[in-house]
Amino acid sequence: SVKGRFAISRDNVKNTVYLQMNSLK
């Protein structure tokens, strides 16, 4: 349901994981 719209990524320096959510429904 989120493929192509959401992207997960890491920033190991900040010890943080992000979820970028685009084209939200």
PDB file of all heavy atoms in Angstrom:
ATOM      1  N   SER A   1       0.799  -1.223   0.000  1.00  0.00           N
ATOM      2  CA  SER A   1       0.000   0.000   0.000  1.00  0.00           C
ATOM      3  C   SER A   1       0.837   1.281   0.000  1.00  0.00           C
ATOM      4  O   SER A   1       0.311   2.355  -0.306  1.00  0.00           O
ATOM      5  CB  SER A   1      -0.943   0.007   1.203  1.00  0.00           C
ATOM      6  OG  SER A   1      -0.201  -0.070   2.408  1.00  0.00           O
ATOM      7  N   VAL A   2       2.125   1.181   0.336  1.00  0.00           N
ATOM      8  CA  VAL A   2       2.955   2.387   0.413  1.00  0.00           C
ATOM      9  C   VAL A   2       4.132   2.359  -0.546  1.00  0.00           C
ATOM     10  O   VAL A   2       4.891   3.335  -0.628  1.00  0.00           O
ATOM     11  CB  VAL A   2       3.464   2.636   1.851  1.00  0.00           C
ATOM     12  CG1 VAL A   2       2.298   2.668   2.831  1.00  0.00           C
ATOM     13  CG2 VAL A   2       4.499   1.604   2.260  1.00  0.00           C
ATOM     14  N   LYS A   3       4.300   1.267  -1.271  1.00  0.00           N
ATOM     15  CA  LYS A   3       5.426   1.170  -2.207  1.00  0.00           C
ATOM     16  C   LYS A   3       5.374   2.292  -3.229  1.00  0.00           C
ATOM     17  O   LYS A   3       4.322   2.595  -3.782  1.00  0.00           O
ATOM     18  CB  LYS A   3       5.403  -0.185  -2.922  1.00  0.00           C
ATOM     19  CG  LYS A   3       5.977  -1.321  -2.115  1.00  0.00           C
ATOM     20  CD  LYS A   3       5.926  -2.633  -2.890  1.00  0.00           C
ATOM     21  CE  LYS A   3       6.482  -3.766  -2.044  1.00  0.00           C
ATOM     22  NZ  LYS A   3       6.350  -5.077  -2.734  1.00  0.00           N
ATOM     23  N   GLY A   4       6.540   2.890  -3.459  1.00  0.00           N
ATOM     24  CA  GLY A   4       6.627   3.983  -4.410  1.00  0.00           C
ATOM     25  C   GLY A   4       6.282   5.337  -3.825  1.00  0.00           C
ATOM     26  O   GLY A   4       6.506   6.365  -4.470  1.00  0.00           O
ATOM     27  N   ARG A   5       5.720   5.352  -2.606  1.00  0.00           N
ATOM     28  CA  ARG A   5       5.352   6.618  -1.968  1.00  0.00           C
ATOM     29  C   ARG A   5       6.157   6.888  -0.702  1.00  0.00           C
ATOM     30  O   ARG A   5       6.438   8.042  -0.382  1.00  0.00           O
ATOM     31  CB  ARG A   5       3.858   6.620  -1.618  1.00  0.00           C
ATOM     32  CG  ARG A   5       2.946   6.436  -2.803  1.00  0.00           C
ATOM     33  CD  ARG A   5       1.483   6.641  -2.419  1.00  0.00           C
ATOM     34  NE  ARG A   5       1.012   5.672  -1.435  1.00  0.00           N
ATOM     35  CZ  ARG A   5       0.513   5.994  -0.245  1.00  0.00           C
ATOM     36  NH1 ARG A   5       0.410   7.256   0.114  1.00  0.00           N
ATOM     37  NH2 ARG A   5       0.084   5.057   0.580  1.00  0.00           N
ATOM     38  N   PHE A   6       6.500   5.841   0.023  1.00  0.00           N
ATOM     39  CA  PHE A   6       7.225   5.981   1.284  1.00  0.00           C
ATOM     40  C   PHE A   6       8.662   5.495   1.097  1.00  0.00           C
ATOM     41  O   PHE A   6       8.924   4.587   0.293  1.00  0.00           O
ATOM     42  CB  PHE A   6       6.572   5.153   2.383  1.00  0.00           C
ATOM     43  CG  PHE A   6       5.227   5.643   2.861  1.00  0.00           C
ATOM     44  CD1 PHE A   6       4.526   6.634   2.181  1.00  0.00           C
ATOM     45  CD2 PHE A   6       4.659   5.104   4.005  1.00  0.00           C
ATOM     46  CE1 PHE A   6       3.298   7.086   2.632  1.00  0.00           C
ATOM     47  CE2 PHE A   6       3.431   5.541   4.469  1.00  0.00           C
ATOM     48  CZ  PHE A   6       2.749   6.523   3.778  1.00  0.00           C
ATOM     49  N   ALA A   7       9.572   6.073   1.869  1.00  0.00           N
ATOM     50  CA  ALA A   7      10.963   5.646   1.838  1.00  0.00           C
ATOM     51  C   ALA A   7      11.527   5.659   3.255  1.00  0.00           C
ATOM     52  O   ALA A   7      11.412   6.673   3.961  1.00  0.00           O
ATOM     53  CB  ALA A   7      11.789   6.544   0.925  1.00  0.00           C
ATOM     54  N   ILE A   8      12.142   4.555   3.657  1.00  0.00           N
ATOM     55  CA  ILE A   8      12.756   4.449   4.972  1.00  0.00           C
ATOM     56  C   ILE A   8      14.267   4.613   4.815  1.00  0.00           C
ATOM     57  O   ILE A   8      14.856   4.151   3.825  1.00  0.00           O
ATOM     58  CB  ILE A   8      12.398   3.098   5.637  1.00  0.00           C
ATOM     59  CG1 ILE A   8      12.778   3.081   7.106  1.00  0.00           C
ATOM     60  CG2 ILE A   8      13.029   1.937   4.874  1.00  0.00           C
ATOM     61  CD1 ILE A   8      12.231   1.851   7.859  1.00  0.00           C
ATOM     62  N   SER A   9      14.889   5.278   5.776  1.00  0.00           N
ATOM     63  CA  SER A   9      16.332   5.501   5.682  1.00  0.00           C
ATOM     64  C   SER A   9      16.919   5.652   7.077  1.00  0.00           C
ATOM     65  O   SER A   9      16.199   5.888   8.049  1.00  0.00           O
ATOM     66  CB  SER A   9      16.631   6.744   4.845  1.00  0.00           C
ATOM     67  OG  SER A   9      16.091   7.905   5.462  1.00  0.00           O
ATOM     68  N   ARG A  10      18.233   5.524   7.146  1.00  0.00           N
ATOM     69  CA  ARG A  10      18.956   5.665   8.414  1.00  0.00           C
ATOM     70  C   ARG A  10      19.900   6.863   8.365  1.00  0.00           C
ATOM     71  O   ARG A  10      20.472   7.162   7.321  1.00  0.00           O
ATOM     72  CB  ARG A  10      19.826   4.427   8.684  1.00  0.00           C
ATOM     73  CG  ARG A  10      19.099   3.140   8.928  1.00  0.00           C
ATOM     74  CD  ARG A  10      20.120   2.047   9.236  1.00  0.00           C
ATOM     75  NE  ARG A  10      19.515   0.759   9.513  1.00  0.00           N
ATOM     76  CZ  ARG A  10      19.097   0.374  10.699  1.00  0.00           C
ATOM     77  NH1 ARG A  10      19.234   1.192  11.726  1.00  0.00           N
ATOM     78  NH2 ARG A  10      18.562  -0.814  10.869  1.00  0.00           N
ATOM     79  N   ASP A  11      20.090   7.484   9.493  1.00  0.00           N
ATOM     80  CA  ASP A  11      21.181   8.432   9.708  1.00  0.00           C
ATOM     81  C   ASP A  11      21.912   7.939  10.951  1.00  0.00           C
ATOM     82  O   ASP A  11      21.481   8.193  12.082  1.00  0.00           O
ATOM     83  CB  ASP A  11      20.658   9.852   9.898  1.00  0.00           C
ATOM     84  CG  ASP A  11      21.791  10.875  10.018  1.00  0.00           C
ATOM     85  OD1 ASP A  11      22.897  10.497  10.480  1.00  0.00           O
ATOM     86  OD2 ASP A  11      21.567  12.038   9.660  1.00  0.00           O
ATOM     87  N   ASN A  12      22.993   7.199  10.743  1.00  0.00           N
ATOM     88  CA  ASN A  12      23.680   6.584  11.871  1.00  0.00           C
ATOM     89  C   ASN A  12      24.388   7.617  12.750  1.00  0.00           C
ATOM     90  O   ASN A  12      24.599   7.367  13.939  1.00  0.00           O
ATOM     91  CB  ASN A  12      24.669   5.541  11.374  1.00  0.00           C
ATOM     92  CG  ASN A  12      23.972   4.355  10.744  1.00  0.00           C
ATOM     93  OD1 ASN A  12      22.831   4.027  11.096  1.00  0.00           O
ATOM     94  ND2 ASN A  12      24.637   3.714   9.797  1.00  0.00           N
ATOM     95  N   VAL A  13      24.752   8.742  12.199  1.00  0.00           N
ATOM     96  CA  VAL A  13      25.363   9.802  13.006  1.00  0.00           C
ATOM     97  C   VAL A  13      24.358  10.325  14.026  1.00  0.00           C
ATOM     98  O   VAL A  13      24.675  10.543  15.196  1.00  0.00           O
ATOM     99  CB  VAL A  13      25.880  10.939  12.116  1.00  0.00           C
ATOM    100  CG1 VAL A  13      26.362  12.107  12.959  1.00  0.00           C
ATOM    101  CG2 VAL A  13      26.993  10.422  11.203  1.00  0.00           C
ATOM    102  N   LYS A  14      23.132  10.484  13.582  1.00  0.00           N
ATOM    103  CA  LYS A  14      22.080  10.990  14.470  1.00  0.00           C
ATOM    104  C   LYS A  14      21.356   9.862  15.203  1.00  0.00           C
ATOM    105  O   LYS A  14      20.466  10.117  16.011  1.00  0.00           O
ATOM    106  CB  LYS A  14      21.073  11.815  13.673  1.00  0.00           C
ATOM    107  CG  LYS A  14      21.675  13.087  13.085  1.00  0.00           C
ATOM    108  CD  LYS A  14      20.609  13.922  12.375  1.00  0.00           C
ATOM    109  CE  LYS A  14      21.204  15.210  11.843  1.00  0.00           C
ATOM    110  NZ  LYS A  14      20.197  16.043  11.136  1.00  0.00           N
ATOM    111  N   ASN A  15      21.733   8.605  14.900  1.00  0.00           N
ATOM    112  CA  ASN A  15      21.080   7.456  15.525  1.00  0.00           C
ATOM    113  C   ASN A  15      19.560   7.531  15.348  1.00  0.00           C
ATOM    114  O   ASN A  15      18.789   7.341  16.300  1.00  0.00           O
ATOM    115  CB  ASN A  15      21.448   7.367  17.014  1.00  0.00           C
ATOM    116  CG  ASN A  15      21.282   5.977  17.582  1.00  0.00           C
ATOM    117  OD1 ASN A  15      21.294   4.988  16.851  1.00  0.00           O
ATOM    118  ND2 ASN A  15      21.123   5.898  18.897  1.00  0.00           N
ATOM    119  N   THR A  16      19.180   7.788  14.128  1.00  0.00           N
ATOM    120  CA  THR A  16      17.766   8.046  13.810  1.00  0.00           C
ATOM    121  C   THR A  16      17.396   7.323  12.526  1.00  0.00           C
ATOM    122  O   THR A  16      18.218   7.208  11.607  1.00  0.00           O
ATOM    123  CB  THR A  16      17.525   9.554  13.647  1.00  0.00           C
ATOM    124  OG1 THR A  16      17.843  10.221  14.881  1.00  0.00           O
ATOM    125  CG2 THR A  16      16.081   9.858  13.286  1.00  0.00           C
ATOM    126  N   VAL A  17      16.176   6.826  12.484  1.00  0.00           N
ATOM    127  CA  VAL A  17      15.603   6.259  11.265  1.00  0.00           C
ATOM    128  C   VAL A  17      14.432   7.134  10.855  1.00  0.00           C
ATOM    129  O   VAL A  17      13.650   7.574  11.700  1.00  0.00           O
ATOM    130  CB  VAL A  17      15.149   4.805  11.489  1.00  0.00           C
ATOM    131  CG1 VAL A  17      14.330   4.295  10.316  1.00  0.00           C
ATOM    132  CG2 VAL A  17      16.360   3.905  11.708  1.00  0.00           C
ATOM    133  N   TYR A  18      14.329   7.371   9.561  1.00  0.00           N
ATOM    134  CA  TYR A  18      13.286   8.240   9.032  1.00  0.00           C
ATOM    135  C   TYR A  18      12.308   7.452   8.164  1.00  0.00           C
ATOM    136  O   TYR A  18      12.665   6.429   7.583  1.00  0.00           O
ATOM    137  CB  TYR A  18      13.898   9.353   8.184  1.00  0.00           C
ATOM    138  CG  TYR A  18      14.869  10.229   8.927  1.00  0.00           C
ATOM    139  CD1 TYR A  18      16.239  10.052   8.802  1.00  0.00           C
ATOM    140  CD2 TYR A  18      14.409  11.233   9.764  1.00  0.00           C
ATOM    141  CE1 TYR A  18      17.139  10.853   9.482  1.00  0.00           C
ATOM    142  CE2 TYR A  18      15.294  12.044  10.456  1.00  0.00           C
ATOM    143  CZ  TYR A  18      16.656  11.846  10.307  1.00  0.00           C
ATOM    144  OH  TYR A  18      17.538  12.647  10.989  1.00  0.00           O
ATOM    145  N   LEU A  19      11.112   7.960   8.080  1.00  0.00           N
ATOM    146  CA  LEU A  19      10.137   7.470   7.115  1.00  0.00           C
ATOM    147  C   LEU A  19       9.628   8.683   6.341  1.00  0.00           C
ATOM    148  O   LEU A  19       8.875   9.504   6.893  1.00  0.00           O
ATOM    149  CB  LEU A  19       8.980   6.740   7.788  1.00  0.00           C
ATOM    150  CG  LEU A  19       7.975   6.110   6.813  1.00  0.00           C
ATOM    151  CD1 LEU A  19       8.620   4.936   6.064  1.00  0.00           C
ATOM    152  CD2 LEU A  19       6.718   5.638   7.555  1.00  0.00           C
ATOM    153  N   GLN A  20      10.092   8.819   5.115  1.00  0.00           N
ATOM    154  CA  GLN A  20       9.614   9.887   4.252  1.00  0.00           C
ATOM    155  C   GLN A  20       8.329   9.423   3.584  1.00  0.00           C
ATOM    156  O   GLN A  20       8.313   8.391   2.917  1.00  0.00           O
ATOM    157  CB  GLN A  20      10.658  10.228   3.189  1.00  0.00           C
ATOM    158  CG  GLN A  20      10.228  11.307   2.210  1.00  0.00           C
ATOM    159  CD  GLN A  20      10.069  12.667   2.860  1.00  0.00           C
ATOM    160  OE1 GLN A  20      10.908  13.069   3.676  1.00  0.00           O
ATOM    161  NE2 GLN A  20       9.005  13.380   2.520  1.00  0.00           N
ATOM    162  N   MET A  21       7.274  10.175   3.777  1.00  0.00           N
ATOM    163  CA  MET A  21       5.965   9.799   3.249  1.00  0.00           C
ATOM    164  C   MET A  21       5.520  10.853   2.253  1.00  0.00           C
ATOM    165  O   MET A  21       5.317  12.013   2.617  1.00  0.00           O
ATOM    166  CB  MET A  21       4.950   9.678   4.387  1.00  0.00           C
ATOM    167  CG  MET A  21       5.387   8.738   5.505  1.00  0.00           C
ATOM    168  SD  MET A  21       4.089   8.421   6.714  1.00  0.00           S
ATOM    169  CE  MET A  21       3.819  10.053   7.364  1.00  0.00           C
ATOM    170  N   ASN A  22       5.385  10.456   1.006  1.00  0.00           N
ATOM    171  CA  ASN A  22       4.959  11.353  -0.064  1.00  0.00           C
ATOM    172  C   ASN A  22       3.615  10.893  -0.626  1.00  0.00           C
ATOM    173  O   ASN A  22       3.186   9.765  -0.392  1.00  0.00           O
ATOM    174  CB  ASN A  22       6.008  11.375  -1.172  1.00  0.00           C
ATOM    175  CG  ASN A  22       7.362  11.868  -0.709  1.00  0.00           C
ATOM    176  OD1 ASN A  22       7.449  12.748   0.152  1.00  0.00           O
ATOM    177  ND2 ASN A  22       8.420  11.297  -1.255  1.00  0.00           N
ATOM    178  N   SER A  23       2.989  11.778  -1.377  1.00  0.00           N
ATOM    179  CA  SER A  23       1.701  11.463  -2.025  1.00  0.00           C
ATOM    180  C   SER A  23       0.728  10.839  -1.025  1.00  0.00           C
ATOM    181  O   SER A  23       0.108   9.812  -1.301  1.00  0.00           O
ATOM    182  CB  SER A  23       1.928  10.521  -3.215  1.00  0.00           C
ATOM    183  OG  SER A  23       2.812  11.102  -4.155  1.00  0.00           O
ATOM    184  N   LEU A  24       0.609  11.462   0.116  1.00  0.00           N
ATOM    185  CA  LEU A  24      -0.214  10.901   1.175  1.00  0.00           C
ATOM    186  C   LEU A  24      -1.684  10.861   0.779  1.00  0.00           C
ATOM    187  O   LEU A  24      -2.188  11.739   0.063  1.00  0.00           O
ATOM    188  CB  LEU A  24      -0.033  11.703   2.461  1.00  0.00           C
ATOM    189  CG  LEU A  24       1.277  11.381   3.197  1.00  0.00           C
ATOM    190  CD1 LEU A  24       1.631  12.485   4.178  1.00  0.00           C
ATOM    191  CD2 LEU A  24       1.167  10.049   3.910  1.00  0.00           C
ATOM    192  N   LYS A  25      -2.346   9.815   1.253  1.00  0.00           N
ATOM    193  CA  LYS A  25      -3.755   9.581   0.965  1.00  0.00           C
ATOM    194  C   LYS A  25      -4.539   9.553   2.273  1.00  0.00           C
ATOM    195  O   LYS A  25      -3.971   9.264   3.328  1.00  0.00           O
ATOM    196  CB  LYS A  25      -3.922   8.235   0.259  1.00  0.00           C
ATOM    197  CG  LYS A  25      -3.115   8.082  -1.013  1.00  0.00           C
ATOM    198  CD  LYS A  25      -3.263   6.678  -1.563  1.00  0.00           C
ATOM    199  CE  LYS A  25      -2.451   6.481  -2.832  1.00  0.00           C
ATOM    200  NZ  LYS A  25      -2.597   5.112  -3.376  1.00  0.00           N
TER     201      LYS A  25
END
